[in-house]
Amino acid sequence: MTDNKNALENLVDAAVSKVNEGADRARAAGHDAASTTGGTLDNAEDNLKEGADRARAEANNARANSSFDQAKEQISDALNGK
């Protein structure tokens, strides 16, 4: 997310981050389901993996929002002659 990216590149970055967020949330849901079966150690491992996937999903969401906001600002500036 450097300032050198144009609006289209920022929109692509936002879309990629949203896809990654969805994948991380799906993985987290899988680990959540897996944490109800198996042994105690396996369940603890699945709970840790679920937490890590949810944290990655939140980071991807923040990255997507930032890229989208940059693109929106660039488009607004272009339309307003800045």
N, C-alpha and C. Protein backbone atom coordinates (compact mmCIF):
# COMPACT_ATOMS: atom_id res chain seq x y z
N MET A 1 0.82 -1.18 0.00
CA MET A 1 0.00 0.00 0.00
C MET A 1 0.86 1.25 0.00
N THR A 2 1.68 1.37 -0.97
CA THR A 2 2.51 2.55 -1.06
C THR A 2 1.75 3.66 -1.74
N ASP A 3 2.22 4.88 -1.59
CA ASP A 3 1.58 6.02 -2.22
C ASP A 3 1.77 6.03 -3.73
N ASN A 4 2.65 5.20 -4.25
CA ASN A 4 2.93 5.18 -5.68
C ASN A 4 1.90 4.38 -6.48
N LYS A 5 0.99 3.70 -5.81
CA LYS A 5 0.00 2.89 -6.52
C LYS A 5 -1.12 3.77 -7.05
N ASN A 6 -1.64 3.38 -8.21
CA ASN A 6 -2.78 4.13 -8.73
C ASN A 6 -4.07 3.53 -8.16
N ALA A 7 -5.19 4.16 -8.50
CA ALA A 7 -6.47 3.75 -7.93
C ALA A 7 -6.81 2.31 -8.29
N LEU A 8 -6.55 1.91 -9.52
CA LEU A 8 -6.85 0.54 -9.94
C LEU A 8 -6.04 -0.47 -9.13
N GLU A 9 -4.76 -0.19 -8.94
CA GLU A 9 -3.91 -1.10 -8.16
C GLU A 9 -4.42 -1.20 -6.72
N ASN A 10 -4.86 -0.08 -6.16
CA ASN A 10 -5.40 -0.10 -4.80
C ASN A 10 -6.71 -0.90 -4.74
N LEU A 11 -7.55 -0.77 -5.77
CA LEU A 11 -8.79 -1.55 -5.80
C LEU A 11 -8.49 -3.04 -5.92
N VAL A 12 -7.50 -3.40 -6.72
CA VAL A 12 -7.11 -4.81 -6.84
C VAL A 12 -6.58 -5.32 -5.50
N ASP A 13 -5.75 -4.52 -4.84
CA ASP A 13 -5.24 -4.91 -3.52
C ASP A 13 -6.39 -5.13 -2.53
N ALA A 14 -7.39 -4.25 -2.58
CA ALA A 14 -8.54 -4.39 -1.68
C ALA A 14 -9.29 -5.69 -1.97
N ALA A 15 -9.49 -5.99 -3.25
CA ALA A 15 -10.21 -7.22 -3.62
C ALA A 15 -9.43 -8.46 -3.19
N VAL A 16 -8.13 -8.46 -3.41
CA VAL A 16 -7.30 -9.61 -3.01
C VAL A 16 -7.36 -9.79 -1.50
N SER A 17 -7.30 -8.70 -0.76
CA SER A 17 -7.35 -8.80 0.70
C SER A 17 -8.70 -9.34 1.16
N LYS A 18 -9.78 -8.97 0.48
CA LYS A 18 -11.10 -9.48 0.84
C LYS A 18 -11.20 -10.99 0.56
N VAL A 19 -10.64 -11.44 -0.55
CA VAL A 19 -10.62 -12.88 -0.84
C VAL A 19 -9.82 -13.61 0.22
N ASN A 20 -8.67 -13.06 0.58
CA ASN A 20 -7.85 -13.69 1.62
C ASN A 20 -8.57 -13.71 2.97
N GLU A 21 -9.30 -12.63 3.25
CA GLU A 21 -10.07 -12.58 4.50
C GLU A 21 -11.10 -13.71 4.52
N GLY A 22 -11.80 -13.89 3.42
CA GLY A 22 -12.79 -14.96 3.35
C GLY A 22 -12.17 -16.34 3.53
N ALA A 23 -11.02 -16.55 2.92
CA ALA A 23 -10.33 -17.84 3.07
C ALA A 23 -9.91 -18.07 4.51
N ASP A 24 -9.40 -17.02 5.17
CA ASP A 24 -9.00 -17.15 6.57
C ASP A 24 -10.19 -17.43 7.47
N ARG A 25 -11.31 -16.77 7.19
CA ARG A 25 -12.52 -17.01 8.00
C ARG A 25 -13.04 -18.44 7.79
N ALA A 26 -12.95 -18.94 6.57
CA ALA A 26 -13.37 -20.33 6.30
C ALA A 26 -12.47 -21.32 7.02
N ARG A 27 -11.15 -21.05 6.99
CA ARG A 27 -10.22 -21.93 7.72
C ARG A 27 -10.51 -21.90 9.21
N ALA A 28 -10.79 -20.71 9.74
CA ALA A 28 -11.10 -20.58 11.16
C ALA A 28 -12.35 -21.39 11.51
N ALA A 29 -13.36 -21.33 10.66
CA ALA A 29 -14.58 -22.10 10.90
C ALA A 29 -14.28 -23.60 10.87
N GLY A 30 -13.41 -24.02 9.97
CA GLY A 30 -13.02 -25.42 9.92
C GLY A 30 -12.32 -25.86 11.19
N HIS A 31 -11.43 -25.01 11.69
CA HIS A 31 -10.73 -25.35 12.94
C HIS A 31 -11.70 -25.34 14.11
N ASP A 32 -12.69 -24.44 14.08
CA ASP A 32 -13.69 -24.40 15.14
C ASP A 32 -14.47 -25.71 15.16
N ALA A 33 -14.88 -26.17 13.99
CA ALA A 33 -15.60 -27.45 13.92
C ALA A 33 -14.71 -28.61 14.35
N ALA A 34 -13.46 -28.59 13.95
CA ALA A 34 -12.54 -29.67 14.29
C ALA A 34 -12.23 -29.70 15.78
N SER A 35 -12.36 -28.55 16.45
CA SER A 35 -12.00 -28.50 17.87
C SER A 35 -13.02 -29.22 18.75
N THR A 36 -14.13 -29.65 18.17
CA THR A 36 -15.13 -30.37 18.96
C THR A 36 -14.96 -31.88 18.90
N THR A 37 -14.05 -32.34 18.06
CA THR A 37 -13.81 -33.78 17.96
C THR A 37 -12.33 -34.05 18.20
N GLY A 38 -12.00 -35.21 18.62
CA GLY A 38 -10.60 -35.56 18.85
C GLY A 38 -10.22 -35.40 20.30
N GLY A 39 -8.92 -35.54 20.53
CA GLY A 39 -8.41 -35.46 21.88
C GLY A 39 -8.22 -34.03 22.35
N THR A 40 -7.92 -33.90 23.62
CA THR A 40 -7.76 -32.59 24.23
C THR A 40 -6.64 -31.80 23.58
N LEU A 41 -5.53 -32.45 23.31
CA LEU A 41 -4.40 -31.77 22.69
C LEU A 41 -4.75 -31.32 21.27
N ASP A 42 -5.42 -32.17 20.52
CA ASP A 42 -5.86 -31.80 19.17
C ASP A 42 -6.83 -30.63 19.22
N ASN A 43 -7.74 -30.65 20.17
CA ASN A 43 -8.71 -29.57 20.29
C ASN A 43 -8.03 -28.25 20.63
N ALA A 44 -7.04 -28.30 21.52
CA ALA A 44 -6.31 -27.08 21.87
C ALA A 44 -5.56 -26.53 20.66
N GLU A 45 -4.97 -27.42 19.88
CA GLU A 45 -4.26 -27.00 18.68
C GLU A 45 -5.23 -26.35 17.69
N ASP A 46 -6.40 -26.96 17.51
CA ASP A 46 -7.39 -26.38 16.61
C ASP A 46 -7.87 -25.02 17.10
N ASN A 47 -8.03 -24.87 18.40
CA ASN A 47 -8.44 -23.57 18.96
C ASN A 47 -7.38 -22.50 18.69
N LEU A 48 -6.11 -22.86 18.83
CA LEU A 48 -5.03 -21.91 18.54
C LEU A 48 -5.02 -21.52 17.06
N LYS A 49 -5.18 -22.52 16.20
CA LYS A 49 -5.20 -22.26 14.76
C LYS A 49 -6.39 -21.39 14.39
N GLU A 50 -7.53 -21.64 15.03
CA GLU A 50 -8.71 -20.82 14.77
C GLU A 50 -8.44 -19.36 15.12
N GLY A 51 -7.84 -19.13 16.28
CA GLY A 51 -7.52 -17.77 16.70
C GLY A 51 -6.56 -17.09 15.74
N ALA A 52 -5.56 -17.81 15.28
CA ALA A 52 -4.59 -17.25 14.33
C ALA A 52 -5.27 -16.90 13.01
N ASP A 53 -6.14 -17.79 12.54
CA ASP A 53 -6.85 -17.52 11.27
C ASP A 53 -7.78 -16.32 11.41
N ARG A 54 -8.46 -16.21 12.53
CA ARG A 54 -9.34 -15.04 12.73
C ARG A 54 -8.52 -13.75 12.79
N ALA A 55 -7.36 -13.79 13.42
CA ALA A 55 -6.50 -12.61 13.48
C ALA A 55 -6.02 -12.23 12.08
N ARG A 56 -5.65 -13.22 11.29
CA ARG A 56 -5.23 -12.95 9.91
C ARG A 56 -6.39 -12.36 9.10
N ALA A 57 -7.59 -12.87 9.33
CA ALA A 57 -8.77 -12.35 8.63
C ALA A 57 -8.99 -10.88 8.98
N GLU A 58 -8.85 -10.54 10.24
CA GLU A 58 -9.03 -9.14 10.66
C GLU A 58 -7.95 -8.25 10.04
N ALA A 59 -6.72 -8.75 9.97
CA ALA A 59 -5.64 -7.97 9.35
C ALA A 59 -5.92 -7.76 7.86
N ASN A 60 -6.41 -8.80 7.19
CA ASN A 60 -6.76 -8.67 5.78
C ASN A 60 -7.92 -7.69 5.59
N ASN A 61 -8.87 -7.70 6.51
CA ASN A 61 -9.98 -6.76 6.43
C ASN A 61 -9.49 -5.33 6.56
N ALA A 62 -8.60 -5.09 7.51
CA ALA A 62 -8.05 -3.74 7.69
C ALA A 62 -7.26 -3.30 6.46
N ARG A 63 -6.49 -4.23 5.89
CA ARG A 63 -5.71 -3.93 4.69
C ARG A 63 -6.63 -3.59 3.52
N ALA A 64 -7.72 -4.34 3.38
CA ALA A 64 -8.68 -4.10 2.31
C ALA A 64 -9.32 -2.72 2.47
N ASN A 65 -9.71 -2.40 3.68
CA ASN A 65 -10.34 -1.10 3.92
C ASN A 65 -9.38 0.05 3.62
N SER A 66 -8.13 -0.11 4.01
CA SER A 66 -7.14 0.92 3.76
C SER A 66 -6.90 1.12 2.26
N SER A 67 -6.75 0.02 1.54
CA SER A 67 -6.53 0.11 0.09
C SER A 67 -7.74 0.73 -0.60
N PHE A 68 -8.94 0.33 -0.18
CA PHE A 68 -10.15 0.88 -0.77
C PHE A 68 -10.25 2.38 -0.49
N ASP A 69 -9.95 2.78 0.74
CA ASP A 69 -10.00 4.21 1.09
C ASP A 69 -9.01 5.01 0.26
N GLN A 70 -7.83 4.46 0.03
CA GLN A 70 -6.84 5.16 -0.80
C GLN A 70 -7.34 5.29 -2.23
N ALA A 71 -7.92 4.24 -2.77
CA ALA A 71 -8.45 4.29 -4.13
C ALA A 71 -9.59 5.30 -4.22
N LYS A 72 -10.46 5.30 -3.24
CA LYS A 72 -11.60 6.22 -3.22
C LYS A 72 -11.11 7.67 -3.19
N GLU A 73 -10.08 7.93 -2.39
CA GLU A 73 -9.52 9.27 -2.31
C GLU A 73 -8.87 9.67 -3.64
N GLN A 74 -8.15 8.73 -4.26
CA GLN A 74 -7.51 9.02 -5.54
C GLN A 74 -8.55 9.31 -6.62
N ILE A 75 -9.63 8.55 -6.64
CA ILE A 75 -10.68 8.77 -7.62
C ILE A 75 -11.37 10.10 -7.38
N SER A 76 -11.64 10.41 -6.13
CA SER A 76 -12.26 11.68 -5.78
C SER A 76 -11.37 12.86 -6.19
N ASP A 77 -10.09 12.73 -5.92
CA ASP A 77 -9.14 13.79 -6.30
C ASP A 77 -9.11 13.96 -7.81
N ALA A 78 -9.13 12.86 -8.55
CA ALA A 78 -9.10 12.93 -10.01
C ALA A 78 -10.36 13.60 -10.55
N LEU A 79 -11.50 13.29 -9.97
CA LEU A 79 -12.75 13.88 -10.41
C LEU A 79 -12.86 15.36 -10.07
N ASN A 80 -12.19 15.74 -8.99
CA ASN A 80 -12.23 17.13 -8.56
C ASN A 80 -11.05 17.95 -9.09
N GLY A 81 -10.25 17.36 -9.96
CA GLY A 81 -9.15 18.07 -10.58
C GLY A 81 -7.95 18.31 -9.69
N LYS A 82 -7.73 17.48 -8.70
CA LYS A 82 -6.58 17.66 -7.80
C LYS A 82 -5.40 16.87 -8.27
